[in-house]
Amino acid sequence: MDIIKISLEFIINSLKEERTVTQLNLKFWGVMGSTPGATSPTLLKYGTNTSCVSVECEDELVIFDAGTGIVQLASYLNKKGYPKHIHLFISHYHYDHIQGLPFFNLVFNPQINMTIYGMRHKLLSVKDILDRFFLDPFSPIGIKIYESVNSICNH
């Protein structure tokens, strides 16, 4: 997928800066597809959240997808402290990859610095797609989602 290539290039270019990176933390917050909350004992072993992976690098946080796992990521960050900048890459717009976004409380915090990256879909920009997802009657929050988002990048 092009967005994966773009996000990996972003991480590599960020690390090329003249600084020493002491630690990268990779965490899988959700790995289920389509439906959260699986009840099978075999599936419970891997968790019940949909797609969300984070990479922490000092004061930067890169997030891949905003499935339901992003809610646990927010709880973790609320306790640990917020990064200087959050980069959210959305691989595609199936619900299991964005359904946690309305519940990711950091997007409502204007003190958070966030950029969202995604692919255009036909004639729709990333903002157009997310606007549709957050419109009434699907979501009660509307476009308030963008309070912490500094930019939305189309690829």
N, C-alpha and C. Protein backbone atom coordinates (compact mmCIF):
# COMPACT_ATOMS: atom_id res chain seq x y z
N MET A 1 0.83 -1.18 0.00
CA MET A 1 0.00 0.00 0.00
C MET A 1 0.88 1.25 0.00
N ASP A 2 0.44 2.25 -0.72
CA ASP A 2 1.20 3.48 -0.82
C ASP A 2 1.35 4.19 0.52
N ILE A 3 0.31 4.17 1.36
CA ILE A 3 0.38 4.89 2.64
C ILE A 3 1.42 4.25 3.55
N ILE A 4 1.60 2.94 3.47
CA ILE A 4 2.63 2.27 4.27
C ILE A 4 4.01 2.74 3.80
N LYS A 5 4.20 2.81 2.50
CA LYS A 5 5.48 3.29 1.96
C LYS A 5 5.75 4.72 2.41
N ILE A 6 4.73 5.56 2.33
CA ILE A 6 4.87 6.97 2.73
C ILE A 6 5.20 7.06 4.21
N SER A 7 4.52 6.27 5.05
CA SER A 7 4.75 6.35 6.49
C SER A 7 6.14 5.84 6.86
N LEU A 8 6.59 4.78 6.20
CA LEU A 8 7.94 4.28 6.48
C LEU A 8 8.99 5.30 6.03
N GLU A 9 8.77 5.94 4.90
CA GLU A 9 9.69 6.99 4.46
C GLU A 9 9.72 8.13 5.46
N PHE A 10 8.55 8.48 6.00
CA PHE A 10 8.47 9.55 7.01
C PHE A 10 9.32 9.19 8.23
N ILE A 11 9.17 7.97 8.73
CA ILE A 11 9.93 7.55 9.91
C ILE A 11 11.42 7.56 9.62
N ILE A 12 11.80 7.01 8.48
CA ILE A 12 13.23 6.97 8.13
C ILE A 12 13.79 8.37 8.00
N ASN A 13 13.07 9.25 7.31
CA ASN A 13 13.56 10.63 7.16
C ASN A 13 13.64 11.36 8.49
N SER A 14 12.69 11.10 9.39
CA SER A 14 12.72 11.72 10.72
C SER A 14 13.95 11.27 11.50
N LEU A 15 14.31 10.01 11.32
CA LEU A 15 15.44 9.48 12.06
C LEU A 15 16.78 9.90 11.45
N LYS A 16 16.77 10.41 10.21
CA LYS A 16 18.01 10.86 9.57
C LYS A 16 18.49 12.18 10.14
N GLU A 17 17.63 12.87 10.86
CA GLU A 17 18.05 14.13 11.46
C GLU A 17 19.23 13.86 12.38
N GLU A 18 20.04 14.87 12.59
CA GLU A 18 21.22 14.69 13.43
C GLU A 18 20.82 14.68 14.89
N ARG A 19 20.44 13.52 15.35
CA ARG A 19 20.11 13.32 16.75
C ARG A 19 20.27 11.84 17.05
N THR A 20 20.50 11.55 18.28
CA THR A 20 20.64 10.18 18.68
C THR A 20 19.31 9.69 19.23
N VAL A 21 18.82 8.62 18.64
CA VAL A 21 17.58 8.02 19.10
C VAL A 21 17.97 6.87 20.03
N THR A 22 17.52 6.94 21.26
CA THR A 22 17.90 5.93 22.22
C THR A 22 16.95 4.75 22.24
N GLN A 23 15.70 4.98 21.84
CA GLN A 23 14.75 3.88 21.93
C GLN A 23 13.54 4.13 21.03
N LEU A 24 13.10 3.06 20.37
CA LEU A 24 11.84 3.04 19.63
C LEU A 24 10.95 2.03 20.32
N ASN A 25 9.71 2.41 20.60
CA ASN A 25 8.77 1.48 21.22
C ASN A 25 7.64 1.21 20.24
N LEU A 26 7.48 -0.05 19.87
CA LEU A 26 6.43 -0.49 18.97
C LEU A 26 5.38 -1.24 19.78
N LYS A 27 4.11 -0.86 19.61
CA LYS A 27 3.04 -1.52 20.38
C LYS A 27 1.85 -1.77 19.47
N PHE A 28 1.33 -2.98 19.53
CA PHE A 28 0.11 -3.35 18.81
C PHE A 28 -1.07 -3.18 19.76
N TRP A 29 -1.90 -2.17 19.51
CA TRP A 29 -3.06 -1.88 20.36
C TRP A 29 -4.31 -2.60 19.86
N GLY A 30 -4.29 -3.02 18.62
CA GLY A 30 -5.41 -3.74 18.04
C GLY A 30 -4.98 -4.45 16.78
N VAL A 31 -5.37 -5.72 16.67
CA VAL A 31 -4.99 -6.51 15.51
C VAL A 31 -6.16 -7.27 14.89
N MET A 32 -7.35 -7.08 15.43
CA MET A 32 -8.52 -7.77 14.90
C MET A 32 -9.01 -7.07 13.63
N GLY A 33 -9.68 -7.82 12.81
CA GLY A 33 -10.28 -7.24 11.61
C GLY A 33 -11.78 -7.15 11.76
N SER A 34 -12.35 -6.20 11.08
CA SER A 34 -13.79 -6.01 10.95
C SER A 34 -14.56 -5.75 12.23
N THR A 35 -14.59 -6.69 13.16
CA THR A 35 -15.46 -6.55 14.33
C THR A 35 -14.66 -6.64 15.62
N PRO A 36 -14.73 -5.63 16.48
CA PRO A 36 -14.07 -5.74 17.78
C PRO A 36 -14.86 -6.64 18.71
N GLY A 37 -14.23 -7.08 19.78
CA GLY A 37 -14.93 -7.81 20.82
C GLY A 37 -15.13 -9.28 20.56
N ALA A 38 -14.19 -9.94 19.90
CA ALA A 38 -14.30 -11.37 19.65
C ALA A 38 -14.39 -12.13 20.96
N THR A 39 -15.15 -13.20 20.96
CA THR A 39 -15.35 -13.96 22.21
C THR A 39 -14.67 -15.32 22.20
N SER A 40 -14.14 -15.75 21.09
CA SER A 40 -13.47 -17.04 21.03
C SER A 40 -12.22 -17.01 21.89
N PRO A 41 -11.97 -18.04 22.72
CA PRO A 41 -10.75 -18.07 23.54
C PRO A 41 -9.48 -17.95 22.71
N THR A 42 -9.48 -18.53 21.52
CA THR A 42 -8.32 -18.43 20.64
C THR A 42 -8.09 -16.98 20.23
N LEU A 43 -9.17 -16.27 19.89
CA LEU A 43 -9.04 -14.87 19.46
C LEU A 43 -8.74 -13.95 20.62
N LEU A 44 -9.26 -14.26 21.79
CA LEU A 44 -9.01 -13.42 22.96
C LEU A 44 -7.52 -13.35 23.30
N LYS A 45 -6.79 -14.38 22.94
CA LYS A 45 -5.35 -14.42 23.19
C LYS A 45 -4.66 -13.21 22.58
N TYR A 46 -5.17 -12.71 21.44
CA TYR A 46 -4.53 -11.61 20.74
C TYR A 46 -5.22 -10.27 20.97
N GLY A 47 -6.23 -10.24 21.80
CA GLY A 47 -6.95 -9.00 22.06
C GLY A 47 -8.17 -8.87 21.18
N THR A 48 -9.01 -7.92 21.51
CA THR A 48 -10.27 -7.79 20.80
C THR A 48 -10.43 -6.46 20.07
N ASN A 49 -9.40 -5.65 20.02
CA ASN A 49 -9.49 -4.36 19.35
C ASN A 49 -9.14 -4.46 17.87
N THR A 50 -9.71 -3.52 17.10
CA THR A 50 -9.38 -3.45 15.67
C THR A 50 -8.13 -2.60 15.47
N SER A 51 -7.64 -2.56 14.27
CA SER A 51 -6.32 -2.08 13.87
C SER A 51 -5.83 -0.78 14.49
N CYS A 52 -4.72 -0.88 15.18
CA CYS A 52 -4.00 0.29 15.69
C CYS A 52 -2.62 -0.15 16.17
N VAL A 53 -1.60 0.48 15.61
CA VAL A 53 -0.21 0.21 15.98
C VAL A 53 0.47 1.55 16.22
N SER A 54 1.30 1.62 17.26
CA SER A 54 2.02 2.88 17.52
C SER A 54 3.52 2.62 17.58
N VAL A 55 4.26 3.66 17.18
CA VAL A 55 5.72 3.67 17.31
C VAL A 55 6.07 4.95 18.04
N GLU A 56 6.66 4.81 19.23
CA GLU A 56 7.12 5.97 20.00
C GLU A 56 8.60 6.16 19.76
N CYS A 57 8.96 7.39 19.48
CA CYS A 57 10.37 7.75 19.30
C CYS A 57 10.58 9.07 20.01
N GLU A 58 11.06 9.00 21.23
CA GLU A 58 11.28 10.18 22.06
C GLU A 58 10.02 11.04 22.13
N ASP A 59 10.02 12.23 21.53
CA ASP A 59 8.87 13.13 21.66
C ASP A 59 7.92 13.07 20.47
N GLU A 60 8.06 12.05 19.64
CA GLU A 60 7.18 11.86 18.47
C GLU A 60 6.43 10.55 18.64
N LEU A 61 5.19 10.52 18.16
CA LEU A 61 4.39 9.31 18.17
C LEU A 61 3.81 9.12 16.78
N VAL A 62 4.06 7.95 16.20
CA VAL A 62 3.49 7.59 14.91
C VAL A 62 2.45 6.51 15.16
N ILE A 63 1.24 6.75 14.65
CA ILE A 63 0.14 5.79 14.82
C ILE A 63 -0.29 5.31 13.45
N PHE A 64 -0.43 4.00 13.32
CA PHE A 64 -0.95 3.41 12.09
C PHE A 64 -2.36 2.92 12.35
N ASP A 65 -3.32 3.56 11.75
CA ASP A 65 -4.74 3.25 11.81
C ASP A 65 -5.37 3.62 13.15
N ALA A 66 -6.67 3.85 13.07
CA ALA A 66 -7.42 4.34 14.23
C ALA A 66 -8.61 3.43 14.52
N GLY A 67 -8.34 2.12 14.55
CA GLY A 67 -9.37 1.18 14.97
C GLY A 67 -9.62 1.35 16.47
N THR A 68 -10.37 0.45 17.06
CA THR A 68 -10.74 0.59 18.47
C THR A 68 -9.55 0.54 19.41
N GLY A 69 -8.42 0.00 18.97
CA GLY A 69 -7.22 -0.02 19.79
C GLY A 69 -6.69 1.36 20.14
N ILE A 70 -7.07 2.37 19.36
CA ILE A 70 -6.59 3.73 19.61
C ILE A 70 -7.14 4.29 20.93
N VAL A 71 -8.25 3.74 21.40
CA VAL A 71 -8.83 4.19 22.67
C VAL A 71 -7.91 3.79 23.83
N GLN A 72 -7.39 2.57 23.80
CA GLN A 72 -6.42 2.15 24.83
C GLN A 72 -5.13 2.94 24.73
N LEU A 73 -4.72 3.26 23.51
CA LEU A 73 -3.54 4.10 23.32
C LEU A 73 -3.75 5.46 23.99
N ALA A 74 -4.93 6.04 23.84
CA ALA A 74 -5.23 7.33 24.47
C ALA A 74 -5.14 7.22 25.99
N SER A 75 -5.68 6.15 26.56
CA SER A 75 -5.60 5.94 28.02
C SER A 75 -4.15 5.87 28.48
N TYR A 76 -3.34 5.16 27.72
CA TYR A 76 -1.91 5.04 28.01
C TYR A 76 -1.24 6.42 27.99
N LEU A 77 -1.53 7.22 26.95
CA LEU A 77 -0.92 8.55 26.83
C LEU A 77 -1.43 9.51 27.89
N ASN A 78 -2.70 9.38 28.29
CA ASN A 78 -3.24 10.24 29.34
C ASN A 78 -2.49 10.02 30.66
N LYS A 79 -2.02 8.80 30.89
CA LYS A 79 -1.26 8.49 32.11
C LYS A 79 0.22 8.83 31.95
N LYS A 80 0.79 8.49 30.79
CA LYS A 80 2.23 8.63 30.56
C LYS A 80 2.65 10.08 30.27
N GLY A 81 1.80 10.79 29.56
CA GLY A 81 2.14 12.13 29.08
C GLY A 81 2.08 12.16 27.56
N TYR A 82 1.91 13.34 27.03
CA TYR A 82 1.68 13.49 25.60
C TYR A 82 2.98 13.74 24.85
N PRO A 83 3.09 13.19 23.65
CA PRO A 83 4.27 13.47 22.83
C PRO A 83 4.19 14.89 22.26
N LYS A 84 5.31 15.35 21.75
CA LYS A 84 5.36 16.68 21.14
C LYS A 84 4.50 16.74 19.89
N HIS A 85 4.50 15.65 19.13
CA HIS A 85 3.72 15.60 17.90
C HIS A 85 3.21 14.19 17.67
N ILE A 86 1.98 14.09 17.19
CA ILE A 86 1.37 12.81 16.82
C ILE A 86 1.16 12.80 15.31
N HIS A 87 1.60 11.72 14.68
CA HIS A 87 1.41 11.52 13.24
C HIS A 87 0.50 10.30 13.10
N LEU A 88 -0.71 10.49 12.58
CA LEU A 88 -1.66 9.40 12.39
C LEU A 88 -1.77 9.07 10.91
N PHE A 89 -1.38 7.85 10.56
CA PHE A 89 -1.48 7.36 9.19
C PHE A 89 -2.67 6.43 9.08
N ILE A 90 -3.58 6.74 8.18
CA ILE A 90 -4.76 5.89 7.95
C ILE A 90 -4.52 5.11 6.66
N SER A 91 -4.46 3.79 6.76
CA SER A 91 -4.13 2.96 5.60
C SER A 91 -5.27 2.94 4.59
N HIS A 92 -6.52 2.85 5.07
CA HIS A 92 -7.70 2.92 4.23
C HIS A 92 -8.89 3.20 5.13
N TYR A 93 -10.06 3.37 4.55
CA TYR A 93 -11.18 3.93 5.30
C TYR A 93 -12.26 2.92 5.67
N HIS A 94 -11.94 1.64 5.68
CA HIS A 94 -12.90 0.68 6.21
C HIS A 94 -13.10 1.00 7.69
N TYR A 95 -14.29 0.75 8.18
CA TYR A 95 -14.62 1.14 9.56
C TYR A 95 -13.66 0.55 10.59
N ASP A 96 -13.19 -0.67 10.38
CA ASP A 96 -12.31 -1.27 11.38
C ASP A 96 -10.96 -0.55 11.47
N HIS A 97 -10.69 0.37 10.56
CA HIS A 97 -9.45 1.14 10.60
C HIS A 97 -9.64 2.58 11.07
N ILE A 98 -10.92 3.00 11.23
CA ILE A 98 -11.18 4.38 11.69
C ILE A 98 -12.21 4.47 12.80
N GLN A 99 -12.83 3.35 13.19
CA GLN A 99 -13.95 3.42 14.12
C GLN A 99 -13.58 3.86 15.52
N GLY A 100 -12.32 3.85 15.88
CA GLY A 100 -11.91 4.34 17.20
C GLY A 100 -11.66 5.84 17.24
N LEU A 101 -11.56 6.48 16.09
CA LEU A 101 -11.22 7.90 16.04
C LEU A 101 -12.17 8.80 16.83
N PRO A 102 -13.49 8.58 16.80
CA PRO A 102 -14.37 9.45 17.60
C PRO A 102 -14.14 9.32 19.11
N PHE A 103 -13.49 8.24 19.53
CA PHE A 103 -13.27 7.98 20.95
C PHE A 103 -11.82 8.20 21.36
N PHE A 104 -11.01 8.71 20.45
CA PHE A 104 -9.60 9.04 20.71
C PHE A 104 -9.58 10.47 21.25
N ASN A 105 -9.68 10.60 22.57
CA ASN A 105 -9.91 11.91 23.18
C ASN A 105 -8.82 12.94 22.90
N LEU A 106 -7.66 12.52 22.42
CA LEU A 106 -6.60 13.49 22.14
C LEU A 106 -6.92 14.39 20.95
N VAL A 107 -7.81 13.95 20.05
CA VAL A 107 -8.15 14.80 18.90
C VAL A 107 -9.00 16.00 19.33
N PHE A 108 -9.54 15.97 20.54
CA PHE A 108 -10.35 17.08 21.04
C PHE A 108 -9.52 18.07 21.86
N ASN A 109 -8.25 17.79 22.05
CA ASN A 109 -7.39 18.60 22.89
C ASN A 109 -6.58 19.57 22.03
N PRO A 110 -6.88 20.86 22.07
CA PRO A 110 -6.16 21.82 21.23
C PRO A 110 -4.68 21.97 21.59
N GLN A 111 -4.26 21.44 22.72
CA GLN A 111 -2.84 21.50 23.10
C GLN A 111 -2.01 20.40 22.43
N ILE A 112 -2.68 19.43 21.84
CA ILE A 112 -2.00 18.34 21.14
C ILE A 112 -1.72 18.79 19.71
N ASN A 113 -0.55 18.45 19.22
CA ASN A 113 -0.13 18.78 17.86
C ASN A 113 -0.21 17.50 17.03
N MET A 114 -1.16 17.43 16.09
CA MET A 114 -1.39 16.19 15.35
C MET A 114 -1.50 16.45 13.85
N THR A 115 -0.96 15.51 13.09
CA THR A 115 -1.11 15.51 11.64
C THR A 115 -1.72 14.18 11.24
N ILE A 116 -2.70 14.21 10.35
CA ILE A 116 -3.33 13.00 9.83
C ILE A 116 -2.91 12.84 8.37
N TYR A 117 -2.50 11.61 8.03
CA TYR A 117 -2.07 11.29 6.67
C TYR A 117 -2.98 10.21 6.12
N GLY A 118 -3.34 10.32 4.87
CA GLY A 118 -4.16 9.29 4.25
C GLY A 118 -4.15 9.43 2.75
N MET A 119 -4.79 8.50 2.10
CA MET A 119 -4.87 8.49 0.65
C MET A 119 -6.19 9.13 0.22
N ARG A 120 -6.13 9.87 -0.87
CA ARG A 120 -7.35 10.37 -1.48
C ARG A 120 -8.16 9.15 -1.97
N HIS A 121 -9.45 9.30 -2.03
CA HIS A 121 -10.30 8.25 -2.59
C HIS A 121 -11.14 8.88 -3.69
N LYS A 122 -10.84 8.51 -4.91
CA LYS A 122 -11.48 9.12 -6.08
C LYS A 122 -11.30 10.63 -6.00
N LEU A 123 -12.37 11.40 -5.89
CA LEU A 123 -12.24 12.86 -5.83
C LEU A 123 -12.27 13.39 -4.40
N LEU A 124 -12.31 12.50 -3.42
CA LEU A 124 -12.44 12.93 -2.03
C LEU A 124 -11.07 13.04 -1.36
N SER A 125 -10.86 14.14 -0.65
CA SER A 125 -9.65 14.31 0.16
C SER A 125 -9.82 13.55 1.47
N VAL A 126 -8.76 13.42 2.21
CA VAL A 126 -8.83 12.77 3.52
C VAL A 126 -9.82 13.52 4.41
N LYS A 127 -9.76 14.85 4.41
CA LYS A 127 -10.68 15.64 5.22
C LYS A 127 -12.13 15.40 4.80
N ASP A 128 -12.39 15.34 3.49
CA ASP A 128 -13.75 15.07 3.01
C ASP A 128 -14.26 13.73 3.53
N ILE A 129 -13.40 12.73 3.48
CA ILE A 129 -13.79 11.39 3.93
C ILE A 129 -14.08 11.39 5.42
N LEU A 130 -13.18 11.98 6.21
CA LEU A 130 -13.39 12.02 7.66
C LEU A 130 -14.60 12.88 8.02
N ASP A 131 -14.81 13.98 7.30
CA ASP A 131 -16.00 14.81 7.54
C ASP A 131 -17.27 13.98 7.38
N ARG A 132 -17.31 13.15 6.36
CA ARG A 132 -18.50 12.31 6.13
C ARG A 132 -18.68 11.30 7.26
N PHE A 133 -17.58 10.77 7.75
CA PHE A 133 -17.64 9.79 8.84
C PHE A 133 -18.17 10.42 10.12
N PHE A 134 -17.88 11.71 10.33
CA PHE A 134 -18.26 12.38 11.56
C PHE A 134 -19.54 13.21 11.45
N LEU A 135 -20.25 13.09 10.35
CA LEU A 135 -21.50 13.84 10.19
C LEU A 135 -22.66 13.16 10.94
N ASP A 136 -23.59 13.96 11.36
CA ASP A 136 -24.84 13.47 11.91
C ASP A 136 -25.57 12.74 10.77
N PRO A 137 -26.14 11.60 10.95
CA PRO A 137 -26.49 10.92 12.18
C PRO A 137 -25.46 9.89 12.64
N PHE A 138 -24.32 9.80 11.95
CA PHE A 138 -23.33 8.77 12.29
C PHE A 138 -22.53 9.10 13.54
N SER A 139 -22.38 10.37 13.82
CA SER A 139 -21.56 10.78 14.96
C SER A 139 -22.12 12.07 15.55
N PRO A 140 -22.21 12.14 16.88
CA PRO A 140 -22.73 13.35 17.51
C PRO A 140 -21.69 14.47 17.63
N ILE A 141 -20.43 14.19 17.29
CA ILE A 141 -19.38 15.18 17.55
C ILE A 141 -19.11 16.11 16.38
N GLY A 142 -19.52 15.75 15.18
CA GLY A 142 -19.28 16.62 14.03
C GLY A 142 -17.81 16.90 13.81
N ILE A 143 -17.51 18.04 13.25
CA ILE A 143 -16.12 18.34 12.89
C ILE A 143 -15.29 18.86 14.05
N LYS A 144 -15.81 18.79 15.26
CA LYS A 144 -15.01 19.14 16.44
C LYS A 144 -13.78 18.24 16.53
N ILE A 145 -13.79 17.16 15.78
CA ILE A 145 -12.69 16.20 15.78
C ILE A 145 -11.36 16.87 15.46
N TYR A 146 -11.39 18.00 14.78
CA TYR A 146 -10.17 18.61 14.30
C TYR A 146 -9.53 19.60 15.27
N GLU A 147 -9.95 19.66 16.50
CA GLU A 147 -9.39 20.64 17.44
C GLU A 147 -7.89 20.49 17.65
N SER A 148 -7.36 19.28 17.57
CA SER A 148 -5.92 19.10 17.78
C SER A 148 -5.17 18.85 16.48
N VAL A 149 -5.88 18.79 15.38
CA VAL A 149 -5.26 18.44 14.10
C VAL A 149 -4.73 19.71 13.42
N ASN A 150 -3.41 19.76 13.26
CA ASN A 150 -2.78 20.91 12.62
C ASN A 150 -2.85 20.83 11.11
N SER A 151 -2.75 19.60 10.58
CA SER A 151 -2.85 19.45 9.13
C SER A 151 -3.32 18.05 8.77
N ILE A 152 -3.91 17.97 7.60
CA ILE A 152 -4.35 16.70 7.04
C ILE A 152 -3.71 16.59 5.67
N CYS A 153 -2.90 15.55 5.49
CA CYS A 153 -2.12 15.40 4.26
C CYS A 153 -2.72 14.33 3.36
N ASN A 154 -2.93 14.68 2.11
CA ASN A 154 -3.46 13.75 1.10
C ASN A 154 -2.32 13.17 0.29
N HIS A 155 -2.34 11.87 0.10
CA HIS A 155 -1.32 11.22 -0.74
C HIS A 155 -1.98 10.33 -1.74
